Protein backbone atom coordinates (compact mmCIF):
# COMPACT_ATOMS: atom_id res chain seq x y z
CA MET A 1 10.44 61.46 -0.15
CA PRO A 2 12.53 60.23 2.82
CA GLY A 3 12.55 56.51 3.45
CA LEU A 4 9.82 55.15 5.70
CA THR A 5 9.68 52.12 7.94
CA VAL A 6 6.91 49.92 6.60
CA ALA A 7 5.50 46.86 8.36
CA LEU A 8 3.64 44.32 6.21
CA LEU A 9 1.30 42.06 8.18
CA HIS A 10 -0.19 38.76 7.02
CA TYR A 11 -0.83 35.25 8.32
CA SER A 12 2.08 33.83 6.34
CA ALA A 13 4.92 34.87 4.05
CA PRO A 14 7.02 33.20 1.33
CA PRO A 15 8.02 30.51 0.67
CA VAL A 16 4.43 29.68 1.62
CA VAL A 17 2.69 29.53 -1.76
CA GLY A 18 -0.29 31.79 -2.24
CA GLY A 19 -1.47 34.82 -4.15
CA VAL A 20 -1.28 37.18 -1.17
CA GLU A 21 2.14 35.84 -0.17
CA SER A 22 3.41 36.49 -3.70
CA VAL A 23 2.03 40.04 -3.68
CA LEU A 24 3.54 40.61 -0.24
CA ALA A 25 6.97 39.61 -1.53
CA HIS A 26 6.73 41.94 -4.53
CA HIS A 27 5.57 44.85 -2.38
CA ALA A 28 8.42 44.28 0.06
CA ARG A 29 10.98 44.14 -2.74
CA LEU A 30 9.69 47.25 -4.49
CA MET A 31 9.46 49.29 -1.30
CA THR A 32 12.98 48.24 -0.33
CA GLU A 33 14.33 49.18 -3.75
CA ALA A 34 12.62 52.56 -3.38
CA GLY A 35 14.61 53.25 -0.20
CA HIS A 36 12.12 52.23 2.48
CA THR A 37 12.92 49.93 5.41
CA VAL A 38 10.56 46.97 5.23
CA LYS A 39 9.77 44.28 7.73
CA ILE A 40 7.26 41.48 7.35
CA ILE A 41 5.33 40.19 10.34
CA ALA A 42 3.88 36.73 9.76
CA GLY A 43 3.07 33.53 11.56
CA ARG A 44 4.75 31.31 9.00
CA GLY A 45 7.48 31.73 6.37
CA GLU A 46 11.22 31.94 5.93
CA PRO A 47 13.60 34.82 5.12
CA TRP A 48 14.18 35.12 1.37
CA ASP A 49 15.86 38.53 1.04
CA GLU A 50 18.58 39.70 3.40
CA ARG A 51 17.35 43.29 3.02
CA ILE A 52 13.89 42.45 4.37
CA ARG A 53 13.45 41.48 8.00
CA LEU A 54 10.97 38.69 8.74
CA ILE A 55 9.45 38.63 12.22
CA HIS A 56 7.74 35.38 13.25
CA LEU A 57 4.72 35.68 15.54
CA PRO A 58 3.35 32.11 15.53
CA LEU A 59 -0.06 33.04 16.95
CA ILE A 60 -0.97 35.18 13.94
CA ASP A 61 -0.72 32.19 11.63
CA SER A 62 -4.09 31.08 10.27
CA ARG A 63 -3.05 27.47 10.90
CA HIS A 64 -1.72 27.75 14.45
CA PRO A 65 -3.41 25.10 16.66
CA HIS A 66 -4.83 27.73 19.06
CA THR A 67 -6.16 29.72 16.11
CA LEU A 68 -7.83 26.67 14.61
CA THR A 69 -9.39 25.68 17.94
CA VAL A 70 -10.85 29.14 18.43
CA LYS A 71 -11.96 29.36 14.79
CA ALA A 72 -13.90 26.11 15.06
CA GLU A 73 -16.03 27.68 17.81
CA LEU A 74 -16.37 31.00 16.04
CA ASP A 75 -17.49 29.34 12.82
CA VAL A 76 -20.59 27.98 14.55
CA GLY A 77 -21.39 31.30 16.19
CA ARG A 78 -19.81 30.86 19.62
CA VAL A 79 -17.15 33.17 21.05
CA PRO A 80 -15.07 30.81 23.22
CA LEU A 81 -13.67 31.73 26.60
CA GLY A 82 -10.19 31.45 25.12
CA PHE A 83 -10.82 34.21 22.58
CA PRO A 84 -10.16 37.34 24.73
CA PRO A 85 -6.90 35.96 26.20
CA LEU A 86 -5.71 35.03 22.70
CA VAL A 87 -6.53 38.53 21.47
CA ASN A 88 -4.57 40.07 24.32
CA GLU A 89 -1.61 37.76 23.77
CA ILE A 90 -1.45 38.65 20.08
CA GLU A 91 -1.82 42.35 20.91
CA SER A 92 1.11 42.16 23.32
CA ALA A 93 3.24 40.42 20.69
CA LEU A 94 2.30 42.87 17.95
CA ARG A 95 2.79 46.09 19.90
CA PRO A 96 6.62 46.18 19.96
CA THR A 97 6.92 44.96 16.35
CA LEU A 98 4.72 47.81 15.10
CA ALA A 99 6.04 50.53 17.41
CA GLU A 100 8.85 51.64 15.08
CA ALA A 101 6.75 51.59 11.89
CA ASP A 102 5.60 54.67 10.05
CA VAL A 103 3.11 52.66 8.03
CA VAL A 104 1.42 49.33 8.77
CA ILE A 105 -0.13 47.46 5.84
CA ALA A 106 -2.38 44.56 6.84
CA HIS A 107 -3.11 42.14 3.99
CA ASN A 108 -6.50 40.41 4.31
CA VAL A 109 -6.30 40.56 8.11
CA CYS A 110 -9.33 42.83 8.31
CA SER A 111 -11.40 41.28 5.55
CA LEU A 112 -11.10 37.52 6.14
CA HIS A 113 -11.99 35.46 9.23
CA LYS A 114 -8.93 33.18 9.09
CA ASN A 115 -7.67 34.57 12.43
CA LEU A 116 -10.24 36.82 14.05
CA ALA A 117 -8.11 37.09 17.20
CA LEU A 118 -5.46 38.83 15.08
CA THR A 119 -8.14 41.08 13.56
CA ALA A 120 -9.41 42.01 17.02
CA ALA A 121 -5.90 42.58 18.38
CA LEU A 122 -5.07 44.94 15.52
CA HIS A 123 -8.37 46.75 16.07
CA GLN A 124 -7.53 47.27 19.75
CA LEU A 125 -4.02 48.51 18.94
CA ARG A 126 -5.50 50.86 16.38
CA GLN A 127 -7.27 52.75 19.18
CA GLU A 128 -3.97 53.94 20.62
CA THR A 129 -3.20 57.54 19.74
CA ASP A 130 0.37 56.95 18.55
CA PHE A 131 -0.48 54.05 16.22
CA PRO A 132 1.17 54.32 12.77
CA THR A 133 -0.69 55.01 9.55
CA LEU A 134 -2.80 51.91 8.89
CA ILE A 135 -3.57 50.62 5.40
CA LEU A 136 -6.03 47.74 5.15
CA TRP A 137 -5.27 45.85 1.94
CA HIS A 138 -8.28 43.74 0.97
CA HIS A 139 -7.67 40.93 -1.52
CA ASP A 140 -10.73 38.91 -0.47
CA LEU A 141 -13.91 39.80 1.42
CA ALA A 142 -15.40 37.13 3.64
CA TRP A 143 -18.78 38.85 3.97
CA THR A 144 -19.35 38.97 0.19
CA THR A 145 -18.14 35.43 -0.50
CA PRO A 146 -20.99 32.86 -0.49
CA ARG A 147 -18.80 29.94 0.59
CA TYR A 148 -17.98 31.70 3.88
CA ARG A 149 -21.49 32.83 4.73
CA SER A 150 -22.23 29.98 7.14
CA GLU A 151 -19.09 30.81 9.13
CA LEU A 152 -20.00 34.46 9.73
CA HIS A 153 -22.40 35.76 12.35
CA ASP A 154 -23.80 39.05 13.58
CA GLY A 155 -21.90 40.84 16.32
CA TYR A 156 -18.34 40.90 17.60
CA PRO A 157 -15.80 39.82 16.35
CA TRP A 158 -17.31 39.01 12.93
CA ASP A 159 -18.57 42.57 12.46
CA LEU A 160 -14.97 43.82 12.49
CA LEU A 161 -14.78 42.50 8.92
CA ARG A 162 -17.65 44.68 7.70
CA THR A 163 -17.05 47.85 9.70
CA ASP A 164 -15.13 50.91 8.55
CA TRP A 165 -12.16 51.45 10.83
CA PRO A 166 -11.94 55.23 11.35
CA GLY A 167 -8.69 56.70 10.07
CA ALA A 168 -7.58 53.56 8.25
CA ARG A 169 -7.03 53.62 4.50
CA HIS A 170 -8.75 50.95 2.43
CA VAL A 171 -7.13 49.35 -0.61
CA VAL A 172 -8.66 46.74 -2.90
CA VAL A 173 -7.13 44.91 -5.84
CA SER A 174 -9.86 45.29 -8.48
CA GLU A 175 -12.89 47.30 -9.49
CA PRO A 176 -15.34 44.51 -8.53
CA ARG A 177 -13.79 44.42 -5.04
CA HIS A 178 -14.06 48.24 -5.00
CA ARG A 179 -17.82 48.10 -5.47
CA GLU A 180 -18.23 45.21 -3.02
CA LEU A 181 -16.27 46.92 -0.23
CA ALA A 182 -17.99 50.29 -0.64
CA SER A 183 -21.35 48.56 -0.32
CA LEU A 184 -20.24 46.33 2.55
CA LEU A 185 -18.81 49.20 4.63
CA ASN A 186 -21.42 51.71 3.45
CA ILE A 187 -18.74 54.27 2.60
CA PRO A 188 -18.23 56.44 -0.49
CA PRO A 189 -16.23 54.62 -3.20
CA GLU A 190 -13.71 57.46 -3.32
CA GLN A 191 -12.55 56.48 0.18
CA ILE A 192 -11.22 53.23 -1.29
CA THR A 193 -8.11 53.01 -3.48
CA VAL A 194 -7.81 50.39 -6.21
CA VAL A 195 -4.27 49.04 -6.56
CA PRO A 196 -3.98 46.18 -9.07
CA ASN A 197 -1.56 43.31 -8.79
CA GLY A 198 1.22 43.00 -11.34
CA VAL A 199 3.75 40.77 -13.01
CA GLN A 200 7.55 40.83 -12.83
CA THR A 201 8.44 40.64 -16.51
CA ASP A 202 12.08 39.72 -16.19
CA ARG A 203 11.26 36.78 -13.93
CA LEU A 204 8.26 35.63 -15.96
CA LEU A 205 10.33 35.64 -19.17
CA LYS A 206 13.51 34.45 -17.40
CA LEU A 207 15.51 37.32 -18.89
CA GLU A 208 19.29 37.14 -18.82
CA ALA A 209 21.26 39.71 -16.82
CA GLN A 210 22.67 41.15 -20.06
CA THR A 211 19.15 41.51 -21.47
CA ARG A 212 18.01 43.38 -18.38
CA SER A 213 21.03 45.65 -18.67
CA LEU A 214 20.30 46.37 -22.34
CA LEU A 215 16.66 47.13 -21.58
CA ALA A 216 17.72 49.61 -18.91
CA ALA A 217 20.21 51.29 -21.27
CA THR A 218 17.85 51.53 -24.26
CA GLY A 219 14.35 51.97 -22.86
CA LEU A 220 13.15 49.22 -25.21
CA ALA A 221 10.81 47.88 -22.52
CA GLN A 222 8.59 50.94 -23.13
CA ALA A 223 8.17 50.21 -26.87
CA GLU A 224 4.65 49.96 -28.29
CA PRO A 225 5.32 47.98 -30.46
CA LEU A 226 8.84 46.59 -30.39
CA LEU A 227 10.05 45.41 -33.80
CA LEU A 228 12.88 42.90 -33.88
CA LEU A 229 15.50 42.70 -36.65
CA PRO A 230 17.91 39.88 -35.65
CA VAL A 231 20.55 40.28 -38.38
CA ARG A 232 24.20 41.21 -38.85
CA LEU A 233 24.92 44.62 -40.29
CA THR A 234 25.52 43.83 -43.95
CA PRO A 235 23.94 45.62 -46.94
CA ARG A 236 21.97 42.59 -48.14
CA LYS A 237 19.95 42.68 -44.89
CA ASN A 238 18.47 46.02 -46.01
CA VAL A 239 18.51 47.49 -42.52
CA GLU A 240 17.97 51.00 -43.85
CA PHE A 241 14.54 49.92 -45.06
CA ALA A 242 13.59 48.93 -41.52
CA LEU A 243 14.75 52.33 -40.25
CA ARG A 244 12.68 54.21 -42.82
CA THR A 245 9.66 52.03 -42.08
CA LEU A 246 10.01 52.72 -38.36
CA ALA A 247 10.15 56.47 -38.99
CA VAL A 248 6.83 56.29 -40.83
CA LEU A 249 5.26 53.87 -38.33
CA ARG A 250 5.95 56.26 -35.46
CA ARG A 251 3.55 58.76 -36.99
CA ALA A 252 0.72 56.32 -36.27
CA MET A 253 2.31 54.52 -33.30
CA PRO A 254 4.53 57.12 -31.60
CA HIS A 255 6.13 54.66 -29.16
CA ALA A 256 7.21 52.14 -31.78
CA MET A 257 10.84 51.03 -31.50
CA LEU A 258 13.26 48.81 -33.40
CA VAL A 259 16.08 46.66 -32.06
CA ILE A 260 18.80 45.30 -34.36
CA THR A 261 20.63 42.59 -32.48
CA GLY A 262 23.58 41.73 -34.74
CA PRO A 263 27.10 43.17 -35.04
CA GLU A 264 28.85 44.08 -38.26
CA GLY A 265 29.20 41.27 -40.73
CA PRO A 266 32.58 39.61 -40.04
CA HIS A 267 33.83 38.93 -43.56
CA ASN A 268 33.73 42.25 -45.41
CA PRO A 269 35.63 45.34 -44.22
CA ALA A 270 33.02 47.49 -46.00
CA ASN A 271 30.49 46.52 -43.35
CA ALA A 272 32.05 48.99 -40.92
CA ASP A 273 31.19 51.78 -43.34
CA TYR A 274 27.69 50.35 -43.72
CA LYS A 275 27.24 50.54 -39.97
CA ARG A 276 28.33 54.19 -39.94
CA ARG A 277 25.86 54.99 -42.72
CA LEU A 278 23.07 53.29 -40.82
CA LEU A 279 23.80 55.27 -37.67
CA THR A 280 23.85 58.49 -39.67
CA LEU A 281 20.53 57.60 -41.31
CA ARG A 282 19.02 56.79 -37.95
CA ASP A 283 19.96 60.22 -36.64
CA GLU A 284 18.72 61.96 -39.79
CA LEU A 285 15.37 60.23 -39.34
CA GLY A 286 15.14 61.36 -35.72
CA LEU A 287 15.27 57.79 -34.39
CA ARG A 288 18.19 57.97 -31.96
CA SER A 289 15.92 57.05 -29.02
CA ALA A 290 13.78 54.62 -31.03
CA ALA A 291 16.12 52.47 -33.15
CA HIS A 292 18.77 50.66 -31.15
CA PHE A 293 21.73 48.79 -32.58
CA ILE A 294 22.98 46.40 -29.93
CA ALA A 295 26.38 46.70 -31.63
CA GLU A 296 26.59 50.15 -30.04
CA TYR A 297 26.41 48.60 -26.59
CA THR A 298 28.67 45.60 -27.00
CA PRO A 299 31.29 44.67 -29.62
CA GLU A 300 30.66 40.98 -29.01
CA TYR A 301 28.08 38.69 -30.52
CA LEU A 302 25.03 38.44 -28.31
CA PRO A 303 24.68 35.02 -26.71
CA ASP A 304 21.84 32.97 -28.13
CA THR A 305 20.06 33.21 -24.79
CA VAL A 306 19.94 37.03 -25.03
CA VAL A 307 18.74 36.96 -28.64
CA ALA A 308 16.05 34.51 -27.50
CA ASP A 309 15.02 37.03 -24.85
CA PHE A 310 14.42 39.63 -27.54
CA PHE A 311 12.23 37.20 -29.45
CA ARG A 312 10.10 36.88 -26.31
CA LEU A 313 10.08 40.63 -25.70
CA ALA A 314 9.30 41.74 -29.26
CA ASP A 315 5.86 42.29 -30.75
CA ALA A 316 6.81 41.51 -34.35
CA LEU A 317 9.67 40.40 -36.55
CA ILE A 318 10.68 42.58 -39.48
CA LEU A 319 13.07 41.08 -42.03
CA PRO A 320 13.50 43.24 -45.17
CA SER A 321 16.44 41.28 -46.62
CA ARG A 322 17.21 41.56 -50.31
CA GLU A 323 18.57 38.02 -50.29
CA GLU A 324 18.68 35.08 -47.91
CA GLY A 325 19.87 31.52 -48.20
CA PHE A 326 17.28 30.22 -45.79
CA GLY A 327 15.66 32.47 -43.11
CA ILE A 328 16.05 31.01 -39.63
CA PRO A 329 14.56 34.14 -37.93
CA LEU A 330 11.17 33.28 -39.45
CA LEU A 331 11.20 29.92 -37.72
CA GLU A 332 12.30 31.46 -34.44
CA ALA A 333 9.52 34.01 -34.75
CA ALA A 334 7.02 31.23 -35.43
CA ILE A 335 8.11 29.26 -32.36
CA THR A 336 7.87 32.37 -30.16
CA ARG A 337 4.52 33.31 -31.78
CA LEU A 338 5.65 36.59 -33.29
CA PRO A 339 3.85 37.99 -36.33
CA VAL A 340 6.26 38.17 -39.25
CA PHE A 341 6.70 41.03 -41.72
CA CYS A 342 9.31 40.08 -44.28
CA ALA A 343 10.62 40.61 -47.78
CA ASP A 344 8.84 38.70 -50.51
CA ILE A 345 11.84 36.71 -51.69
CA PRO A 346 11.77 32.96 -52.50
CA PRO A 347 13.56 31.54 -49.42
CA LEU A 348 11.36 33.51 -47.01
CA ARG A 349 8.17 32.79 -48.98
CA ASP A 350 9.09 29.09 -48.95
CA ILE A 351 9.30 29.08 -45.15
CA GLY A 352 6.47 31.47 -44.34
CA ASN A 353 3.95 30.19 -46.89
CA ASP A 354 0.73 32.10 -46.26
CA ASP A 355 1.48 32.76 -42.61
CA ALA A 356 3.71 35.83 -42.94
CA THR A 357 3.01 39.34 -44.23
CA TYR A 358 5.16 40.07 -47.28
CA PHE A 359 6.42 43.18 -48.99
CA SER A 360 8.95 43.96 -51.70
CA PRO A 361 12.39 44.87 -50.35
CA GLU A 362 12.14 47.89 -52.67
CA ALA A 363 8.63 48.84 -51.48
CA ASP A 364 7.56 52.24 -50.23
CA PRO A 365 8.08 52.27 -46.42
CA GLU A 366 4.76 54.10 -46.12
CA GLY A 367 2.89 51.03 -47.29
CA VAL A 368 4.85 48.64 -45.09
CA ALA A 369 4.35 50.81 -42.02
CA ALA A 370 0.62 50.78 -42.74
CA LEU A 371 0.66 46.97 -43.02
CA ILE A 372 2.33 46.70 -39.62
CA ALA A 373 0.00 49.18 -37.92
CA VAL A 374 -3.16 47.58 -39.30
CA ARG A 375 -2.05 44.04 -38.50
CA LEU A 376 -1.01 44.79 -34.92
CA ARG A 377 -3.99 46.96 -34.07
CA ALA A 378 -6.28 44.14 -35.17
CA ASP A 379 -4.45 41.60 -33.02
CA PRO A 380 -6.05 41.16 -29.55
CA THR A 381 -2.93 39.39 -28.29
CA TYR A 382 -0.80 42.44 -29.14
CA ARG A 383 -3.35 44.86 -27.69
CA PHE A 384 -3.63 42.89 -24.45
CA ALA A 385 0.17 42.54 -24.16
CA THR A 386 0.63 46.27 -24.67
CA ARG A 387 -1.94 47.10 -22.02
CA ALA A 388 -0.44 44.62 -19.58
CA ARG A 389 3.09 45.99 -20.06
CA ARG A 390 1.89 49.56 -19.70
CA ASN A 391 -0.31 49.12 -16.64
CA PHE A 392 0.42 45.86 -14.89
CA THR A 393 4.16 45.36 -14.49
CA TRP A 394 5.13 45.58 -10.85
CA ASP A 395 7.35 48.60 -11.49
CA SER A 396 4.43 50.43 -13.10
CA VAL A 397 2.03 49.42 -10.32
CA TYR A 398 4.48 50.59 -7.66
CA ASN A 399 5.23 53.96 -9.24
CA THR A 400 1.62 54.70 -10.14
CA TYR A 401 -0.22 53.46 -7.08
CA ILE A 402 1.83 52.16 -4.16
CA GLU A 403 4.45 54.85 -3.64
CA PRO A 404 1.82 57.66 -3.65
CA LEU A 405 -0.21 55.66 -1.14
CA LEU A 406 2.68 55.68 1.33
CA ARG A 407 2.85 59.46 1.36
CA PRO A 408 1.25 61.19 4.36
């Protein structure tokens, strides 16, 4: 799809702090990265991305002195004499900024009464035959919110917030809002699109640039679940057991993946051969796209900060070692709240006590895979995390909902 020019309209923009402002910034970033030209039209805010143009129109701010003066009259049911001139002034300011747009997305402008002169100006512009595609993005609905009821009155301009605008597309952010808006506008629910908000995982988890690069190269972000094995490649770590367990686990959990973060052990030349045998076993088990040795992507030790990222990204720790002197990964898993599946050997049992799930390092991988599947499926934290990663990352939200919405 060729790139579009998209205008995002709201009272304010970042760095103003607010839920809508945050969503606006994510939408602008995602649309820009998808090849669209994005400009934001707001009454307040500062540029934060050189790729995204910010156009200041002070009168569309919800806190502009003229807006507040007019709103005080409107809130008690009076349309002041200054309202029509303010509407016309905003309309004149908006017209050239919207003229080049293919799509205009108005966030909360047509559902809240924070600046009814802006709402009315947009409604007047909408009547013009060459007006761009208009998407009304409703985060909040004044008419269904009890705390606003005393500030809303029958007639113009308040009715603009509960009237279907012919030809405009309606978007809400949740199923409850979906039902509320359909009832408020008296339109079929299928005329309203639900587009959830999302989270930006790499920012939330403060992922390092190298971590982000590794995720892009491996596809590990799509794992359900992601098992972490943070060890060097030496035979006593029993990495082959983890590979065989993963192969069985994928029968029950087809998107399960494993990441082994360490390089070859540095003190024994035989470790290079061990690595080759592990890679061969991985391919024999059909796990080339599911079991990832970070040593294939970098010959260097991973910085501690990147290893820490994988502890935050993983769903469980697996440690099938035949011998350990201590077992630091168990403590790191505990601090990052990862469930632990580990070999039942004295050092690990001493650290994990009754709070880890144990198995013999010589056990049947079938049984260990079953332990992992049962434990994770019973864990609401894992289930919720999986659902959130699948459906509510901003990349997923954009690809599933927003980009299709921009199409004619």
